[in-house]
Amino acid sequence: MNKNKLSIYFAFIAILSFLTFFISIVQKSYFNLVNPIKEVESNKLLTPIDPKLNLEIINDIEIRPENIDDSLINFSFEESLATISGQHSKE
């Protein structure tokens, strides 16, 4: 009778160990399957780029006239001489 209890105990431990390992393997596999999908949803830099380019916007930018008159900008490195109008400030 004592030998029968011991074998039932080992069978119970073996089944419990097998179920534990099986569940942990299934859980890890599911995590490896779902984690990349969650990363793509949370990080928009990982999403694929749309190859269709809207050329109308680029054409509008090329046609747009420049509003900056280069003669009005003074690129002097001295603070007292640097003005937007290009004329020296008088102090």
PDB file of N, CA and C in Angstrom:
ATOM      1  N   MET A   1       0.827  -1.194   0.000  1.00  0.00           N
ATOM      2  CA  MET A   1       0.000   0.000   0.000  1.00  0.00           C
ATOM      3  C   MET A   1       0.868   1.254   0.000  1.00  0.00           C
ATOM      4  N   ASN A   2       1.947   1.219   0.729  1.00  0.00           N
ATOM      5  CA  ASN A   2       2.832   2.369   0.796  1.00  0.00           C
ATOM      6  C   ASN A   2       3.481   2.626  -0.556  1.00  0.00           C
ATOM      7  N   LYS A   3       3.806   1.569  -1.300  1.00  0.00           N
ATOM      8  CA  LYS A   3       4.409   1.709  -2.622  1.00  0.00           C
ATOM      9  C   LYS A   3       3.409   2.323  -3.603  1.00  0.00           C
ATOM     10  N   ASN A   4       2.135   2.003  -3.459  1.00  0.00           N
ATOM     11  CA  ASN A   4       1.086   2.530  -4.339  1.00  0.00           C
ATOM     12  C   ASN A   4       0.922   4.037  -4.120  1.00  0.00           C
ATOM     13  N   LYS A   5       0.985   4.509  -2.867  1.00  0.00           N
ATOM     14  CA  LYS A   5       0.869   5.939  -2.579  1.00  0.00           C
ATOM     15  C   LYS A   5       2.042   6.711  -3.171  1.00  0.00           C
ATOM     16  N   LEU A   6       3.216   6.095  -3.106  1.00  0.00           N
ATOM     17  CA  LEU A   6       4.413   6.744  -3.621  1.00  0.00           C
ATOM     18  C   LEU A   6       4.344   6.898  -5.138  1.00  0.00           C
ATOM     19  N   SER A   7       3.846   5.884  -5.848  1.00  0.00           N
ATOM     20  CA  SER A   7       3.752   5.969  -7.306  1.00  0.00           C
ATOM     21  C   SER A   7       2.670   6.974  -7.723  1.00  0.00           C
ATOM     22  N   ILE A   8       1.580   7.076  -6.978  1.00  0.00           N
ATOM     23  CA  ILE A   8       0.543   8.062  -7.275  1.00  0.00           C
ATOM     24  C   ILE A   8       1.106   9.472  -7.050  1.00  0.00           C
ATOM     25  N   TYR A   9       1.893   9.636  -6.006  1.00  0.00           N
ATOM     26  CA  TYR A   9       2.508  10.921  -5.715  1.00  0.00           C
ATOM     27  C   TYR A   9       3.449  11.328  -6.853  1.00  0.00           C
ATOM     28  N   PHE A  10       4.302  10.395  -7.316  1.00  0.00           N
ATOM     29  CA  PHE A  10       5.204  10.709  -8.422  1.00  0.00           C
ATOM     30  C   PHE A  10       4.449  10.981  -9.720  1.00  0.00           C
ATOM     31  N   ALA A  11       3.368  10.243  -9.962  1.00  0.00           N
ATOM     32  CA  ALA A  11       2.546  10.470 -11.159  1.00  0.00           C
ATOM     33  C   ALA A  11       1.914  11.866 -11.096  1.00  0.00           C
ATOM     34  N   PHE A  12       1.431  12.240  -9.917  1.00  0.00           N
ATOM     35  CA  PHE A  12       0.834  13.566  -9.749  1.00  0.00           C
ATOM     36  C   PHE A  12       1.872  14.673  -9.989  1.00  0.00           C
ATOM     37  N   ILE A  13       3.068  14.524  -9.429  1.00  0.00           N
ATOM     38  CA  ILE A  13       4.147  15.504  -9.619  1.00  0.00           C
ATOM     39  C   ILE A  13       4.550  15.565 -11.091  1.00  0.00           C
ATOM     40  N   ALA A  14       4.621  14.407 -11.772  1.00  0.00           N
ATOM     41  CA  ALA A  14       5.005  14.368 -13.181  1.00  0.00           C
ATOM     42  C   ALA A  14       3.968  15.084 -14.053  1.00  0.00           C
ATOM     43  N   ILE A  15       2.697  14.825 -13.793  1.00  0.00           N
ATOM     44  CA  ILE A  15       1.631  15.478 -14.571  1.00  0.00           C
ATOM     45  C   ILE A  15       1.616  16.978 -14.306  1.00  0.00           C
ATOM     46  N   LEU A  16       1.769  17.366 -13.047  1.00  0.00           N
ATOM     47  CA  LEU A  16       1.788  18.790 -12.703  1.00  0.00           C
ATOM     48  C   LEU A  16       2.994  19.491 -13.335  1.00  0.00           C
ATOM     49  N   SER A  17       4.139  18.842 -13.335  1.00  0.00           N
ATOM     50  CA  SER A  17       5.336  19.419 -13.965  1.00  0.00           C
ATOM     51  C   SER A  17       5.145  19.551 -15.469  1.00  0.00           C
ATOM     52  N   PHE A  18       4.584  18.519 -16.108  1.00  0.00           N
ATOM     53  CA  PHE A  18       4.335  18.574 -17.547  1.00  0.00           C
ATOM     54  C   PHE A  18       3.382  19.710 -17.893  1.00  0.00           C
ATOM     55  N   LEU A  19       2.307  19.855 -17.132  1.00  0.00           N
ATOM     56  CA  LEU A  19       1.356  20.940 -17.397  1.00  0.00           C
ATOM     57  C   LEU A  19       2.003  22.314 -17.194  1.00  0.00           C
ATOM     58  N   THR A  20       2.841  22.435 -16.187  1.00  0.00           N
ATOM     59  CA  THR A  20       3.525  23.704 -15.927  1.00  0.00           C
ATOM     60  C   THR A  20       4.448  24.066 -17.083  1.00  0.00           C
ATOM     61  N   PHE A  21       5.249  23.101 -17.529  1.00  0.00           N
ATOM     62  CA  PHE A  21       6.141  23.369 -18.663  1.00  0.00           C
ATOM     63  C   PHE A  21       5.357  23.664 -19.941  1.00  0.00           C
ATOM     64  N   PHE A  22       4.304  22.915 -20.177  1.00  0.00           N
ATOM     65  CA  PHE A  22       3.493  23.119 -21.377  1.00  0.00           C
ATOM     66  C   PHE A  22       2.853  24.505 -21.378  1.00  0.00           C
ATOM     67  N   ILE A  23       2.293  24.906 -20.253  1.00  0.00           N
ATOM     68  CA  ILE A  23       1.650  26.224 -20.168  1.00  0.00           C
ATOM     69  C   ILE A  23       2.683  27.337 -20.321  1.00  0.00           C
ATOM     70  N   SER A  24       3.858  27.179 -19.735  1.00  0.00           N
ATOM     71  CA  SER A  24       4.888  28.217 -19.870  1.00  0.00           C
ATOM     72  C   SER A  24       5.379  28.328 -21.310  1.00  0.00           C
ATOM     73  N   ILE A  25       5.495  27.205 -22.028  1.00  0.00           N
ATOM     74  CA  ILE A  25       5.910  27.239 -23.429  1.00  0.00           C
ATOM     75  C   ILE A  25       4.840  27.902 -24.287  1.00  0.00           C
ATOM     76  N   VAL A  26       3.585  27.586 -24.049  1.00  0.00           N
ATOM     77  CA  VAL A  26       2.490  28.209 -24.803  1.00  0.00           C
ATOM     78  C   VAL A  26       2.436  29.706 -24.522  1.00  0.00           C
ATOM     79  N   GLN A  27       2.602  30.083 -23.276  1.00  0.00           N
ATOM     80  CA  GLN A  27       2.561  31.504 -22.920  1.00  0.00           C
ATOM     81  C   GLN A  27       3.714  32.265 -23.576  1.00  0.00           C
ATOM     82  N   LYS A  28       4.914  31.719 -23.579  1.00  0.00           N
ATOM     83  CA  LYS A  28       6.066  32.370 -24.201  1.00  0.00           C
ATOM     84  C   LYS A  28       5.878  32.468 -25.715  1.00  0.00           C
ATOM     85  N   SER A  29       5.334  31.442 -26.326  1.00  0.00           N
ATOM     86  CA  SER A  29       5.078  31.472 -27.771  1.00  0.00           C
ATOM     87  C   SER A  29       4.052  32.547 -28.111  1.00  0.00           C
ATOM     88  N   TYR A  30       3.011  32.647 -27.319  1.00  0.00           N
ATOM     89  CA  TYR A  30       1.985  33.666 -27.565  1.00  0.00           C
ATOM     90  C   TYR A  30       2.570  35.066 -27.389  1.00  0.00           C
ATOM     91  N   PHE A  31       3.423  35.250 -26.381  1.00  0.00           N
ATOM     92  CA  PHE A  31       4.060  36.544 -26.161  1.00  0.00           C
ATOM     93  C   PHE A  31       4.961  36.916 -27.340  1.00  0.00           C
ATOM     94  N   ASN A  32       5.723  35.947 -27.861  1.00  0.00           N
ATOM     95  CA  ASN A  32       6.580  36.205 -29.013  1.00  0.00           C
ATOM     96  C   ASN A  32       5.774  36.512 -30.269  1.00  0.00           C
ATOM     97  N   LEU A  33       4.564  35.999 -30.358  1.00  0.00           N
ATOM     98  CA  LEU A  33       3.709  36.271 -31.511  1.00  0.00           C
ATOM     99  C   LEU A  33       3.064  37.645 -31.413  1.00  0.00           C
ATOM    100  N   VAL A  34       2.625  38.040 -30.230  1.00  0.00           N
ATOM    101  CA  VAL A  34       1.855  39.271 -30.059  1.00  0.00           C
ATOM    102  C   VAL A  34       2.750  40.489 -29.818  1.00  0.00           C
ATOM    103  N   ASN A  35       3.911  40.330 -29.221  1.00  0.00           N
ATOM    104  CA  ASN A  35       4.759  41.465 -28.860  1.00  0.00           C
ATOM    105  C   ASN A  35       5.176  42.316 -30.061  1.00  0.00           C
ATOM    106  N   PRO A  36       5.621  41.761 -31.199  1.00  0.00           N
ATOM    107  CA  PRO A  36       5.974  42.634 -32.329  1.00  0.00           C
ATOM    108  C   PRO A  36       4.790  43.452 -32.848  1.00  0.00           C
ATOM    109  N   ILE A  37       3.606  42.902 -32.776  1.00  0.00           N
ATOM    110  CA  ILE A  37       2.418  43.635 -33.221  1.00  0.00           C
ATOM    111  C   ILE A  37       2.167  44.825 -32.303  1.00  0.00           C
ATOM    112  N   LYS A  38       2.316  44.632 -31.006  1.00  0.00           N
ATOM    113  CA  LYS A  38       2.125  45.726 -30.055  1.00  0.00           C
ATOM    114  C   LYS A  38       3.199  46.785 -30.219  1.00  0.00           C
ATOM    115  N   GLU A  39       4.444  46.387 -30.522  1.00  0.00           N
ATOM    116  CA  GLU A  39       5.517  47.356 -30.716  1.00  0.00           C
ATOM    117  C   GLU A  39       5.248  48.237 -31.926  1.00  0.00           C
ATOM    118  N   VAL A  40       4.745  47.658 -32.998  1.00  0.00           N
ATOM    119  CA  VAL A  40       4.444  48.438 -34.199  1.00  0.00           C
ATOM    120  C   VAL A  40       3.298  49.399 -33.924  1.00  0.00           C
ATOM    121  N   GLU A  41       2.305  48.974 -33.169  1.00  0.00           N
ATOM    122  CA  GLU A  41       1.182  49.853 -32.851  1.00  0.00           C
ATOM    123  C   GLU A  41       1.610  51.004 -31.955  1.00  0.00           C
ATOM    124  N   SER A  42       2.537  50.757 -31.036  1.00  0.00           N
ATOM    125  CA  SER A  42       2.939  51.803 -30.107  1.00  0.00           C
ATOM    126  C   SER A  42       4.011  52.719 -30.699  1.00  0.00           C
ATOM    127  N   ASN A  43       4.856  52.220 -31.569  1.00  0.00           N
ATOM    128  CA  ASN A  43       5.935  53.018 -32.147  1.00  0.00           C
ATOM    129  C   ASN A  43       5.638  53.213 -33.629  1.00  0.00           C
ATOM    130  N   LYS A  44       5.236  54.415 -33.988  1.00  0.00           N
ATOM    131  CA  LYS A  44       4.837  54.688 -35.367  1.00  0.00           C
ATOM    132  C   LYS A  44       6.019  54.712 -36.322  1.00  0.00           C
ATOM    133  N   LEU A  45       7.262  54.747 -35.805  1.00  0.00           N
ATOM    134  CA  LEU A  45       8.426  54.709 -36.690  1.00  0.00           C
ATOM    135  C   LEU A  45       8.623  53.327 -37.297  1.00  0.00           C
ATOM    136  N   LEU A  46       8.006  52.315 -36.720  1.00  0.00           N
ATOM    137  CA  LEU A  46       8.152  50.957 -37.235  1.00  0.00           C
ATOM    138  C   LEU A  46       7.113  50.612 -38.293  1.00  0.00           C
ATOM    139  N   THR A  47       6.177  51.504 -38.559  1.00  0.00           N
ATOM    140  CA  THR A  47       5.162  51.229 -39.565  1.00  0.00           C
ATOM    141  C   THR A  47       5.768  51.354 -40.954  1.00  0.00           C
ATOM    142  N   PRO A  48       5.303  50.574 -41.902  1.00  0.00           N
ATOM    143  CA  PRO A  48       5.860  50.658 -43.252  1.00  0.00           C
ATOM    144  C   PRO A  48       5.520  52.000 -43.904  1.00  0.00           C
ATOM    145  N   ILE A  49       6.407  52.452 -44.764  1.00  0.00           N
ATOM    146  CA  ILE A  49       6.234  53.734 -45.442  1.00  0.00           C
ATOM    147  C   ILE A  49       5.333  53.539 -46.651  1.00  0.00           C
ATOM    148  N   ASP A  50       4.439  54.491 -46.849  1.00  0.00           N
ATOM    149  CA  ASP A  50       3.551  54.450 -47.999  1.00  0.00           C
ATOM    150  C   ASP A  50       4.329  54.898 -49.235  1.00  0.00           C
ATOM    151  N   PRO A  51       4.448  54.056 -50.260  1.00  0.00           N
ATOM    152  CA  PRO A  51       5.260  54.432 -51.420  1.00  0.00           C
ATOM    153  C   PRO A  51       4.591  55.456 -52.327  1.00  0.00           C
ATOM    154  N   LYS A  52       3.306  55.718 -52.144  1.00  0.00           N
ATOM    155  CA  LYS A  52       2.631  56.700 -52.982  1.00  0.00           C
ATOM    156  C   LYS A  52       2.967  58.096 -52.474  1.00  0.00           C
ATOM    157  N   LEU A  53       3.589  58.894 -53.319  1.00  0.00           N
ATOM    158  CA  LEU A  53       4.022  60.227 -52.948  1.00  0.00           C
ATOM    159  C   LEU A  53       3.087  61.238 -53.587  1.00  0.00           C
ATOM    160  N   ASN A  54       2.640  62.202 -52.785  1.00  0.00           N
ATOM    161  CA  ASN A  54       1.759  63.240 -53.291  1.00  0.00           C
ATOM    162  C   ASN A  54       2.614  64.308 -53.982  1.00  0.00           C
ATOM    163  N   LEU A  55       2.643  64.261 -55.305  1.00  0.00           N
ATOM    164  CA  LEU A  55       3.497  65.164 -56.082  1.00  0.00           C
ATOM    165  C   LEU A  55       2.914  66.559 -56.199  1.00  0.00           C
ATOM    166  N   GLU A  56       1.639  66.729 -55.931  1.00  0.00           N
ATOM    167  CA  GLU A  56       1.028  68.063 -56.030  1.00  0.00           C
ATOM    168  C   GLU A  56       1.649  69.021 -55.010  1.00  0.00           C
ATOM    169  N   ILE A  57       1.927  68.536 -53.832  1.00  0.00           N
ATOM    170  CA  ILE A  57       2.515  69.391 -52.796  1.00  0.00           C
ATOM    171  C   ILE A  57       3.924  69.811 -53.202  1.00  0.00           C
ATOM    172  N   ILE A  58       4.688  68.890 -53.765  1.00  0.00           N
ATOM    173  CA  ILE A  58       6.044  69.229 -54.200  1.00  0.00           C
ATOM    174  C   ILE A  58       5.992  70.253 -55.329  1.00  0.00           C
ATOM    175  N   ASN A  59       5.080  70.092 -56.253  1.00  0.00           N
ATOM    176  CA  ASN A  59       4.936  71.061 -57.343  1.00  0.00           C
ATOM    177  C   ASN A  59       4.528  72.430 -56.806  1.00  0.00           C
ATOM    178  N   ASP A  60       3.643  72.462 -55.813  1.00  0.00           N
ATOM    179  CA  ASP A  60       3.242  73.744 -55.215  1.00  0.00           C
ATOM    180  C   ASP A  60       4.425  74.424 -54.541  1.00  0.00           C
ATOM    181  N   ILE A  61       5.279  73.654 -53.893  1.00  0.00           N
ATOM    182  CA  ILE A  61       6.449  74.235 -53.229  1.00  0.00           C
ATOM    183  C   ILE A  61       7.431  74.783 -54.270  1.00  0.00           C
ATOM    184  N   GLU A  62       7.609  74.077 -55.379  1.00  0.00           N
ATOM    185  CA  GLU A  62       8.523  74.548 -56.419  1.00  0.00           C
ATOM    186  C   GLU A  62       8.001  75.811 -57.100  1.00  0.00           C
ATOM    187  N   ILE A  63       6.714  75.933 -57.275  1.00  0.00           N
ATOM    188  CA  ILE A  63       6.125  77.085 -57.956  1.00  0.00           C
ATOM    189  C   ILE A  63       6.047  78.292 -57.028  1.00  0.00           C
ATOM    190  N   ARG A  64       5.955  78.084 -55.745  1.00  0.00           N
ATOM    191  CA  ARG A  64       5.773  79.151 -54.769  1.00  0.00           C
ATOM    192  C   ARG A  64       6.916  80.168 -54.863  1.00  0.00           C
ATOM    193  N   PRO A  65       6.592  81.436 -54.930  1.00  0.00           N
ATOM    194  CA  PRO A  65       7.650  82.456 -55.013  1.00  0.00           C
ATOM    195  C   PRO A  65       8.338  82.620 -53.666  1.00  0.00           C
ATOM    196  N   GLU A  66       9.603  82.993 -53.737  1.00  0.00           N
ATOM    197  CA  GLU A  66      10.362  83.243 -52.520  1.00  0.00           C
ATOM    198  C   GLU A  66       9.968  84.613 -51.977  1.00  0.00           C
ATOM    199  N   ASN A  67       9.674  84.679 -50.700  1.00  0.00           N
ATOM    200  CA  ASN A  67       9.247  85.929 -50.076  1.00  0.00           C
ATOM    201  C   ASN A  67      10.393  86.654 -49.385  1.00  0.00           C
ATOM    202  N   ILE A  68      11.568  86.083 -49.384  1.00  0.00           N
ATOM    203  CA  ILE A  68      12.691  86.685 -48.672  1.00  0.00           C
ATOM    204  C   ILE A  68      13.552  87.445 -49.670  1.00  0.00           C
ATOM    205  N   ASP A  69      13.791  88.703 -49.357  1.00  0.00           N
ATOM    206  CA  ASP A  69      14.682  89.522 -50.165  1.00  0.00           C
ATOM    207  C   ASP A  69      16.063  89.458 -49.526  1.00  0.00           C
ATOM    208  N   ASP A  70      17.011  88.861 -50.242  1.00  0.00           N
ATOM    209  CA  ASP A  70      18.346  88.642 -49.685  1.00  0.00           C
ATOM    210  C   ASP A  70      19.089  89.943 -49.394  1.00  0.00           C
ATOM    211  N   SER A  71      18.727  91.017 -50.052  1.00  0.00           N
ATOM    212  CA  SER A  71      19.450  92.270 -49.840  1.00  0.00           C
ATOM    213  C   SER A  71      19.096  92.902 -48.493  1.00  0.00           C
ATOM    214  N   LEU A  72      18.016  92.485 -47.867  1.00  0.00           N
ATOM    215  CA  LEU A  72      17.604  93.064 -46.591  1.00  0.00           C
ATOM    216  C   LEU A  72      18.248  92.382 -45.391  1.00  0.00           C
ATOM    217  N   ILE A  73      18.963  91.302 -45.611  1.00  0.00           N
ATOM    218  CA  ILE A  73      19.533  90.553 -44.500  1.00  0.00           C
ATOM    219  C   ILE A  73      21.013  90.882 -44.383  1.00  0.00           C
ATOM    220  N   ASN A  74      21.432  91.225 -43.178  1.00  0.00           N
ATOM    221  CA  ASN A  74      22.827  91.528 -42.892  1.00  0.00           C
ATOM    222  C   ASN A  74      23.404  90.378 -42.082  1.00  0.00           C
ATOM    223  N   PHE A  75      24.424  89.718 -42.596  1.00  0.00           N
ATOM    224  CA  PHE A  75      25.004  88.559 -41.926  1.00  0.00           C
ATOM    225  C   PHE A  75      26.252  88.932 -41.143  1.00  0.00           C
ATOM    226  N   SER A  76      26.220  90.022 -40.432  1.00  0.00           N
ATOM    227  CA  SER A  76      27.363  90.466 -39.651  1.00  0.00           C
ATOM    228  C   SER A  76      27.396  89.694 -38.333  1.00  0.00           C
ATOM    229  N   PHE A  77      28.609  89.419 -37.831  1.00  0.00           N
ATOM    230  CA  PHE A  77      28.746  88.686 -36.586  1.00  0.00           C
ATOM    231  C   PHE A  77      28.794  89.605 -35.371  1.00  0.00           C
ATOM    232  N   GLU A  78      28.884  90.882 -35.576  1.00  0.00           N
ATOM    233  CA  GLU A  78      28.867  91.818 -34.471  1.00  0.00           C
ATOM    234  C   GLU A  78      27.425  92.176 -34.158  1.00  0.00           C
ATOM    235  N   GLU A  79      27.081  92.138 -32.880  1.00  0.00           N
ATOM    236  CA  GLU A  79      25.699  92.381 -32.493  1.00  0.00           C
ATOM    237  C   GLU A  79      25.247  93.796 -32.805  1.00  0.00           C
ATOM    238  N   SER A  80      26.147  94.763 -32.715  1.00  0.00           N
ATOM    239  CA  SER A  80      25.752  96.148 -32.959  1.00  0.00           C
ATOM    240  C   SER A  80      25.496  96.397 -34.445  1.00  0.00           C
ATOM    241  N   LEU A  81      26.057  95.542 -35.339  1.00  0.00           N
ATOM    242  CA  LEU A  81      25.886  95.750 -36.769  1.00  0.00           C
ATOM    243  C   LEU A  81      24.795  94.870 -37.364  1.00  0.00           C
ATOM    244  N   ALA A  82      24.380  93.853 -36.654  1.00  0.00           N
ATOM    245  CA  ALA A  82      23.403  92.921 -37.198  1.00  0.00           C
ATOM    246  C   ALA A  82      21.993  93.471 -37.050  1.00  0.00           C
ATOM    247  N   THR A  83      21.365  93.730 -38.153  1.00  0.00           N
ATOM    248  CA  THR A  83      19.970  94.192 -38.156  1.00  0.00           C
ATOM    249  C   THR A  83      19.245  93.480 -39.274  1.00  0.00           C
ATOM    250  N   ILE A  84      17.968  93.497 -39.195  1.00  0.00           N
ATOM    251  CA  ILE A  84      17.163  92.840 -40.226  1.00  0.00           C
ATOM    252  C   ILE A  84      17.122  93.696 -41.493  1.00  0.00           C
ATOM    253  N   SER A  85      17.132  94.980 -41.348  1.00  0.00           N
ATOM    254  CA  SER A  85      17.015  95.846 -42.528  1.00  0.00           C
ATOM    255  C   SER A  85      18.314  95.923 -43.313  1.00  0.00           C
ATOM    256  N   GLY A  86      19.416  95.482 -42.708  1.00  0.00           N
ATOM    257  CA  GLY A  86      20.681  95.529 -43.384  1.00  0.00           C
ATOM    258  C   GLY A  86      21.415  96.841 -43.162  1.00  0.00           C
ATOM    259  N   GLN A  87      20.806  97.749 -42.449  1.00  0.00           N
ATOM    260  CA  GLN A  87      21.457  99.019 -42.170  1.00  0.00           C
ATOM    261  C   GLN A  87      22.086  98.957 -40.788  1.00  0.00           C
ATOM    262  N   HIS A  88      23.180  99.686 -40.619  1.00  0.00           N
ATOM    263  CA  HIS A  88      23.869  99.677 -39.336  1.00  0.00           C
ATOM    264  C   HIS A  88      23.038 100.404 -38.291  1.00  0.00           C
ATOM    265  N   SER A  89      23.030  99.815 -37.105  1.00  0.00           N
ATOM    266  CA  SER A  89      22.337 100.504 -36.026  1.00  0.00           C
ATOM    267  C   SER A  89      23.263 101.570 -35.460  1.00  0.00           C
ATOM    268  N   LYS A  90      22.704 102.707 -35.131  1.00  0.00           N
ATOM    269  CA  LYS A  90      23.505 103.822 -34.631  1.00  0.00           C
ATOM    270  C   LYS A  90      23.248 103.983 -33.148  1.00  0.00           C
ATOM    271  N   GLU A  91      24.327 103.906 -32.393  1.00  0.00           N
ATOM    272  CA  GLU A  91      24.184 104.045 -30.929  1.00  0.00           C
ATOM    273  C   GLU A  91      24.947 105.228 -30.463  1.00  0.00           C
TER     274      GLU A  91
END
